[in-house]
Amino acid sequence: MSLAVFEHINQVDNWVNSQQQLGLTIGFVPTMGALHAGHASLIELASHHCDRVVASIFVNPTQFNNADDLKKYPRTLEADLLILESAGCHAVFCPAIDEMYTPSEQTAHWDFGPLSNSLEGFFRPGHFDGVLTIVKKLFQAVHPNKAFFGEKDFQQLTLIERMVVEEKFPIDIIAAPTIRETSGLAMSSRNRRLSAEELPAANYISKALLEASRLGRSIAPGELQQRVYDHLVSAHGLKLEYCALVHARTFEPLSEWSGEKAVLLVAAFVGDTRLIDNVVIP
């Protein structure tokens, strides 16, 4: 089955309806393009769970709080389509901006306390409102049975799970582990902006987090967070923005271990490139 490419909501809606009327389940992988092996792994995971896989490629302007970041975001549509087809994707939705937004439209606002307002929500004002607005629109266009997201964007993933409950979408959200380079660096479209000289600094992030994962709950939460902070704040070529150990569900700061899952999250600049990563402490 060759890859079907749609630019309009009614086209992808009609195609999905035709598949679901045959009794087939739809898996959905939203992306902003500049695809890599991490995205391909989501397509492959979706194909194991669902009969048909739909991806989207849309560089969403409302989630960029930095205009220069939006301008620099790579657009590699032809290469992306080849990756999707090779990974087993059946259809891709590639809308223009005016297909998804009216000229004067404002993003919706969701407030889930620290989950919305801390870390990425604090350092990138408006970012999550833009993310949830476009994900909601894409869900309404594609109406999948299941949607697949990577754990690298852990705060975003958790917010999408909350939004699905809030909006009563009949969609199962499936989380996939972070895919890493052989060095340990979390795969990201932003990595292509790193120079060869900057890669060693970028690799400090995953080294510190993976060591924290190894230590896990063998030491106190505050000590675990402090170790990662100290390692990264002293790393040459890396400017740490935040390092936080929080409850994985609420994003409340973690002062002592409990029965709930925890997550340690980091954001840092390497040169002009902002990188995020995390590890779950089960």
Protein backbone atom coordinates (compact mmCIF):
# COMPACT_ATOMS: atom_id res chain seq x y z
CA MET A 1 0.00 0.00 0.00
CA SER A 2 1.69 3.22 -1.17
CA LEU A 3 1.80 6.32 1.03
CA ALA A 4 -1.24 8.57 0.55
CA VAL A 5 -0.51 12.29 0.99
CA PHE A 6 -3.30 14.67 2.01
CA GLU A 7 -3.23 18.45 2.36
CA HIS A 8 -6.82 19.10 3.42
CA ILE A 9 -8.83 18.06 6.47
CA ASN A 10 -11.72 16.69 4.43
CA GLN A 11 -9.32 14.47 2.47
CA VAL A 12 -7.74 12.80 5.49
CA ASP A 13 -11.13 12.65 7.22
CA ASN A 14 -12.69 10.82 4.25
CA TRP A 15 -9.76 8.41 4.00
CA VAL A 16 -9.84 7.55 7.70
CA ASN A 17 -13.61 7.08 7.57
CA SER A 18 -13.26 4.69 4.65
CA GLN A 19 -10.75 2.59 6.59
CA GLN A 20 -12.76 2.57 9.79
CA GLN A 21 -15.90 1.55 7.90
CA LEU A 22 -13.94 -1.56 6.88
CA GLY A 23 -13.42 -2.30 10.58
CA LEU A 24 -9.77 -1.20 10.55
CA THR A 25 -8.16 0.63 13.46
CA ILE A 26 -6.21 3.86 12.96
CA GLY A 27 -2.95 4.74 14.67
CA PHE A 28 -1.78 8.35 14.54
CA VAL A 29 1.73 9.83 14.86
CA PRO A 30 1.76 13.66 14.87
CA THR A 31 5.10 15.22 13.88
CA MET A 32 6.61 18.53 12.82
CA GLY A 33 8.76 16.86 10.18
CA ALA A 34 12.57 16.76 10.09
CA LEU A 35 12.07 13.09 10.83
CA HIS A 36 14.65 10.69 12.25
CA ALA A 37 14.84 7.13 13.56
CA GLY A 38 12.84 8.07 16.66
CA HIS A 39 9.86 9.04 14.50
CA ALA A 40 10.28 5.90 12.40
CA SER A 41 10.12 3.82 15.60
CA LEU A 42 6.77 5.46 16.45
CA ILE A 43 5.40 4.54 13.02
CA GLU A 44 6.59 0.96 13.48
CA LEU A 45 5.07 0.81 16.97
CA ALA A 46 1.78 2.14 15.64
CA SER A 47 1.76 -0.50 12.90
CA HIS A 48 2.02 -3.21 15.56
CA HIS A 49 -0.98 -1.81 17.43
CA CYS A 50 -3.20 -0.70 14.54
CA ASP A 51 -4.29 -1.77 11.05
CA ARG A 52 -3.53 1.59 9.42
CA VAL A 53 -1.03 4.29 10.41
CA VAL A 54 -1.48 8.00 9.72
CA ALA A 55 1.23 10.59 10.38
CA SER A 56 1.03 14.35 10.20
CA ILE A 57 3.72 16.84 9.24
CA PHE A 58 2.94 20.35 10.37
CA VAL A 59 5.36 22.94 11.77
CA ASN A 60 2.98 24.50 14.26
CA PRO A 61 3.67 28.24 14.63
CA THR A 62 1.66 28.67 17.83
CA GLN A 63 3.98 26.50 19.93
CA PHE A 64 7.10 28.56 19.18
CA ASN A 65 7.64 31.30 21.75
CA ASN A 66 10.84 32.22 19.88
CA ALA A 67 10.33 33.48 16.31
CA ASP A 68 13.94 32.71 15.40
CA ASP A 69 13.47 29.11 16.53
CA LEU A 70 10.46 28.78 14.21
CA LYS A 71 12.44 30.25 11.33
CA LYS A 72 15.33 27.84 11.87
CA TYR A 73 13.17 24.73 12.21
CA PRO A 74 14.21 22.37 9.37
CA ARG A 75 11.73 21.58 6.59
CA THR A 76 12.63 18.31 4.84
CA LEU A 77 9.35 17.10 3.37
CA GLU A 78 10.68 14.88 0.57
CA ALA A 79 13.08 13.05 2.89
CA ASP A 80 10.34 12.80 5.54
CA LEU A 81 7.93 11.10 3.13
CA LEU A 82 10.57 8.49 2.28
CA ILE A 83 11.13 7.76 5.97
CA LEU A 84 7.39 7.42 6.60
CA GLU A 85 6.86 5.06 3.69
CA SER A 86 9.87 2.92 4.63
CA ALA A 87 8.61 2.65 8.23
CA GLY A 88 5.21 1.38 7.09
CA CYS A 89 3.05 4.52 7.25
CA HIS A 90 -0.09 4.40 5.12
CA ALA A 91 -1.12 8.08 4.96
CA VAL A 92 0.28 11.48 5.90
CA PHE A 93 -1.54 14.75 6.52
CA CYS A 94 0.53 17.80 5.49
CA PRO A 95 -1.70 20.85 5.92
CA ALA A 96 -0.83 24.50 5.28
CA ILE A 97 -1.16 26.94 8.18
CA ASP A 98 -4.45 28.36 6.89
CA GLU A 99 -5.91 24.85 6.81
CA MET A 100 -5.45 24.57 10.58
CA TYR A 101 -5.92 28.17 11.78
CA THR A 102 -8.10 31.12 10.87
CA PRO A 103 -6.19 34.43 10.56
CA SER A 104 -7.35 35.89 13.88
CA GLU A 105 -7.60 32.64 15.84
CA GLN A 106 -6.25 32.51 19.39
CA THR A 107 -4.84 29.36 20.96
CA ALA A 108 -6.91 27.71 23.66
CA HIS A 109 -5.64 27.70 27.24
CA TRP A 110 -5.30 24.74 29.57
CA ASP A 111 -4.24 25.02 33.19
CA PHE A 112 -3.22 21.82 34.94
CA GLY A 113 -1.16 23.51 37.64
CA PRO A 114 2.56 22.63 37.76
CA LEU A 115 2.11 20.22 34.86
CA SER A 116 1.24 23.19 32.63
CA ASN A 117 3.20 25.99 34.26
CA SER A 118 6.54 24.58 35.41
CA LEU A 119 9.73 23.70 33.49
CA GLU A 120 8.90 23.89 29.76
CA GLY A 121 5.70 25.75 30.62
CA PHE A 122 7.70 28.35 32.57
CA PHE A 123 10.66 28.78 30.24
CA ARG A 124 8.56 28.70 27.05
CA PRO A 125 5.44 30.80 27.80
CA GLY A 126 2.50 29.81 25.62
CA HIS A 127 4.29 26.76 24.24
CA PHE A 128 1.96 24.14 25.69
CA ASP A 129 -1.18 26.07 24.78
CA GLY A 130 0.05 25.95 21.18
CA VAL A 131 0.89 22.25 21.42
CA LEU A 132 -2.45 21.24 22.92
CA THR A 133 -4.39 23.46 20.52
CA ILE A 134 -2.84 21.82 17.45
CA VAL A 135 -2.98 18.29 18.85
CA LYS A 136 -6.68 18.77 19.56
CA LYS A 137 -7.21 20.03 15.99
CA LEU A 138 -5.27 17.09 14.55
CA PHE A 139 -7.24 14.60 16.64
CA GLN A 140 -10.45 16.15 15.34
CA ALA A 141 -9.19 15.89 11.75
CA VAL A 142 -7.86 12.32 11.94
CA HIS A 143 -10.06 10.88 14.75
CA PRO A 144 -7.69 7.96 15.38
CA ASN A 145 -8.21 5.01 17.69
CA LYS A 146 -4.73 5.35 19.17
CA ALA A 147 -2.06 8.08 19.09
CA PHE A 148 1.66 7.58 19.67
CA PHE A 149 4.11 9.97 21.34
CA GLY A 150 7.72 9.67 22.49
CA GLU A 151 8.73 9.98 26.13
CA LYS A 152 11.54 12.41 25.25
CA ASP A 153 8.93 15.19 25.44
CA PHE A 154 7.67 13.81 28.74
CA GLN A 155 5.89 16.91 29.99
CA GLN A 156 4.17 17.35 26.64
CA LEU A 157 3.14 13.68 26.62
CA THR A 158 1.66 13.94 30.11
CA LEU A 159 -0.24 17.09 29.18
CA ILE A 160 -1.68 15.43 26.08
CA GLU A 161 -2.87 12.54 28.24
CA ARG A 162 -4.61 15.04 30.55
CA MET A 163 -6.10 16.97 27.61
CA VAL A 164 -7.55 13.77 26.13
CA VAL A 165 -9.32 13.09 29.42
CA GLU A 166 -10.48 16.71 29.73
CA GLU A 167 -11.83 16.81 26.16
CA LYS A 168 -13.28 13.27 26.39
CA PHE A 169 -11.52 12.06 23.23
CA PRO A 170 -12.02 8.30 22.69
CA ILE A 171 -8.33 7.90 21.91
CA ASP A 172 -5.73 5.70 23.61
CA ILE A 173 -2.41 7.51 24.10
CA ILE A 174 0.55 5.16 23.72
CA ALA A 175 3.93 6.30 25.09
CA ALA A 176 7.15 5.10 23.47
CA PRO A 177 10.63 5.10 25.07
CA THR A 178 13.15 7.73 24.03
CA ILE A 179 15.30 6.60 21.10
CA ARG A 180 18.97 7.48 21.54
CA GLU A 181 22.07 7.76 19.40
CA THR A 182 24.85 5.27 20.13
CA SER A 183 26.44 8.03 22.25
CA GLY A 184 23.29 8.17 24.39
CA LEU A 185 22.13 11.54 23.03
CA ALA A 186 18.34 11.62 22.75
CA MET A 187 17.32 11.75 19.09
CA SER A 188 15.85 15.13 18.16
CA SER A 189 15.32 17.20 15.04
CA ARG A 190 17.36 19.88 16.80
CA ASN A 191 20.46 17.66 16.89
CA ARG A 192 21.22 18.46 13.25
CA ARG A 193 21.95 22.02 14.35
CA LEU A 194 24.82 20.84 16.56
CA SER A 195 28.35 21.13 15.20
CA ALA A 196 30.88 18.32 15.62
CA GLU A 197 32.60 20.45 18.27
CA GLU A 198 29.34 20.81 20.22
CA LEU A 199 28.40 17.13 20.34
CA PRO A 200 30.59 16.25 23.36
CA ALA A 201 28.82 18.91 25.43
CA ALA A 202 25.42 17.65 24.27
CA ASN A 203 26.37 14.13 25.32
CA TYR A 204 26.94 15.28 28.92
CA ILE A 205 23.16 15.49 29.31
CA SER A 206 22.37 11.84 28.63
CA LYS A 207 25.43 10.64 30.54
CA ALA A 208 24.27 12.46 33.66
CA LEU A 209 20.68 11.28 33.31
CA LEU A 210 21.57 7.66 32.61
CA GLU A 211 23.84 7.65 35.67
CA ALA A 212 20.90 9.01 37.68
CA SER A 213 18.72 6.21 36.32
CA ARG A 214 21.33 3.68 37.45
CA LEU A 215 21.39 5.15 40.96
CA GLY A 216 17.60 5.40 41.06
CA ARG A 217 16.14 5.33 44.54
CA SER A 218 19.33 4.18 46.23
CA ILE A 219 19.90 7.79 47.36
CA ALA A 220 17.54 10.57 48.49
CA PRO A 221 15.67 12.53 45.77
CA GLY A 222 17.39 15.80 46.65
CA GLU A 223 20.81 14.20 46.43
CA LEU A 224 20.00 12.57 43.10
CA GLN A 225 18.85 15.86 41.59
CA GLN A 226 21.85 17.71 43.02
CA ARG A 227 24.31 15.22 41.52
CA VAL A 228 22.88 15.72 38.05
CA TYR A 229 22.75 19.48 38.52
CA ASP A 230 26.38 19.64 39.67
CA HIS A 231 27.52 17.47 36.78
CA LEU A 232 25.76 19.57 34.16
CA VAL A 233 26.39 23.04 35.56
CA SER A 234 30.13 22.34 35.44
CA ALA A 235 30.11 20.77 31.95
CA HIS A 236 32.17 22.71 29.42
CA GLY A 237 30.14 24.12 26.52
CA LEU A 238 26.76 23.50 28.15
CA LYS A 239 24.47 26.11 29.74
CA LEU A 240 21.95 24.47 32.06
CA GLU A 241 18.44 25.93 32.09
CA TYR A 242 16.77 23.56 34.53
CA CYS A 243 17.25 20.22 36.26
CA ALA A 244 14.21 18.98 38.16
CA LEU A 245 13.04 15.77 39.80
CA VAL A 246 9.23 15.70 39.93
CA HIS A 247 6.20 13.45 40.31
CA ALA A 248 5.61 12.01 36.84
CA ARG A 249 1.84 12.56 36.95
CA THR A 250 1.49 16.01 38.54
CA PHE A 251 4.97 17.54 38.06
CA GLU A 252 4.98 18.58 41.70
CA PRO A 253 8.57 18.80 43.06
CA LEU A 254 9.73 15.58 44.71
CA SER A 255 11.12 15.78 48.23
CA GLU A 256 10.88 12.10 49.18
CA TRP A 257 10.32 8.82 47.39
CA SER A 258 6.77 7.52 47.26
CA GLY A 259 4.96 4.72 45.47
CA GLU A 260 4.47 6.94 42.40
CA LYS A 261 6.72 7.11 39.37
CA ALA A 262 9.16 10.04 39.26
CA VAL A 263 10.91 11.72 36.34
CA LEU A 264 14.14 13.71 36.20
CA LEU A 265 14.09 16.35 33.47
CA VAL A 266 16.79 18.59 32.02
CA ALA A 267 16.89 21.49 29.56
CA ALA A 268 20.19 23.02 28.46
CA PHE A 269 21.73 25.07 25.69
CA VAL A 270 24.66 23.85 23.67
CA GLY A 271 25.67 26.89 21.66
CA ASP A 272 22.40 28.27 20.28
CA THR A 273 20.65 24.88 20.36
CA ARG A 274 18.26 24.12 23.19
CA LEU A 275 18.05 20.43 24.12
CA ILE A 276 15.73 18.58 26.50
CA ASP A 277 15.95 15.07 27.90
CA ASN A 278 14.70 13.03 30.84
CA VAL A 279 14.76 9.69 32.58
CA VAL A 280 11.97 8.01 34.48
CA ILE A 281 12.74 6.79 38.00
CA PRO A 282 10.21 3.94 38.44
